[in-house]
Amino acid sequence: MPVVIVEMWKGRTDEQKEELIKGITEAFERIGVPAEALNIIIHDVPKANWGLHGKQASKL
């Protein structure tokens, strides 16, 4: 049972997340993993909690 964890900045709509889940599922189905066996977890991370290039992402 594969688990895909997506870490991304907070701010995507539920519709965008649904589209992302659909795309990931389709990619796994192409390599023989049935949708029923796949788990996808999305972590919405506030930019203030994300460091990028030595800075807080909210300040970039």
Protein backbone atom coordinates (compact mmCIF):
# COMPACT_ATOMS: atom_id res chain seq x y z
CA MET A 1 0.00 0.00 0.00
CA PRO A 2 1.93 3.07 -1.21
CA VAL A 3 1.64 6.29 0.75
CA VAL A 4 2.35 9.57 -1.03
CA ILE A 5 2.98 12.57 1.21
CA VAL A 6 2.75 16.00 -0.40
CA GLU A 7 4.23 18.92 1.53
CA MET A 8 3.20 22.24 0.04
CA TRP A 9 2.49 25.79 1.00
CA LYS A 10 -0.92 26.51 2.41
CA GLY A 11 -3.36 28.27 0.11
CA ARG A 12 -4.53 25.75 -2.50
CA THR A 13 -8.28 25.32 -2.88
CA ASP A 14 -10.08 22.04 -2.23
CA GLU A 15 -10.64 21.79 -5.99
CA GLN A 16 -6.90 22.13 -6.66
CA LYS A 17 -6.14 19.47 -4.06
CA GLU A 18 -8.73 17.17 -5.63
CA GLU A 19 -7.06 17.64 -9.03
CA LEU A 20 -3.64 16.90 -7.51
CA ILE A 21 -4.95 13.72 -5.87
CA LYS A 22 -6.51 12.65 -9.17
CA GLY A 23 -3.25 13.21 -11.05
CA ILE A 24 -1.14 11.34 -8.51
CA THR A 25 -3.61 8.46 -8.52
CA GLU A 26 -3.57 8.26 -12.32
CA ALA A 27 0.24 8.19 -12.33
CA PHE A 28 0.29 5.27 -9.89
CA GLU A 29 -2.40 3.43 -11.83
CA ARG A 30 -0.19 3.65 -14.95
CA ILE A 31 2.49 1.68 -13.12
CA GLY A 32 0.05 -0.95 -11.92
CA VAL A 33 -0.98 0.34 -8.49
CA PRO A 34 -4.77 0.27 -8.07
CA ALA A 35 -6.39 3.40 -6.68
CA GLU A 36 -7.80 1.35 -3.80
CA ALA A 37 -4.26 0.60 -2.60
CA LEU A 38 -3.02 4.19 -2.66
CA ASN A 39 -3.02 6.69 0.20
CA ILE A 40 -2.27 10.36 -0.40
CA ILE A 41 -1.67 12.79 2.44
CA ILE A 42 -1.45 16.52 1.83
CA HIS A 43 0.26 18.68 4.44
CA ASP A 44 -0.59 22.37 4.06
CA VAL A 45 2.36 24.20 5.55
CA PRO A 46 2.13 27.93 6.30
CA LYS A 47 4.92 29.87 4.57
CA ALA A 48 6.01 31.13 8.00
CA ASN A 49 6.87 27.51 8.88
CA TRP A 50 8.88 26.86 5.68
CA GLY A 51 12.53 27.76 5.25
CA LEU A 52 13.82 28.38 1.74
CA HIS A 53 17.27 29.63 0.70
CA GLY A 54 18.06 30.43 4.32
CA LYS A 55 14.96 32.58 4.80
CA GLN A 56 11.42 32.21 5.97
CA ALA A 57 9.29 31.62 2.84
CA SER A 58 6.73 34.17 4.01
CA LYS A 59 9.40 36.86 3.69
CA LEU A 60 10.47 36.02 0.14
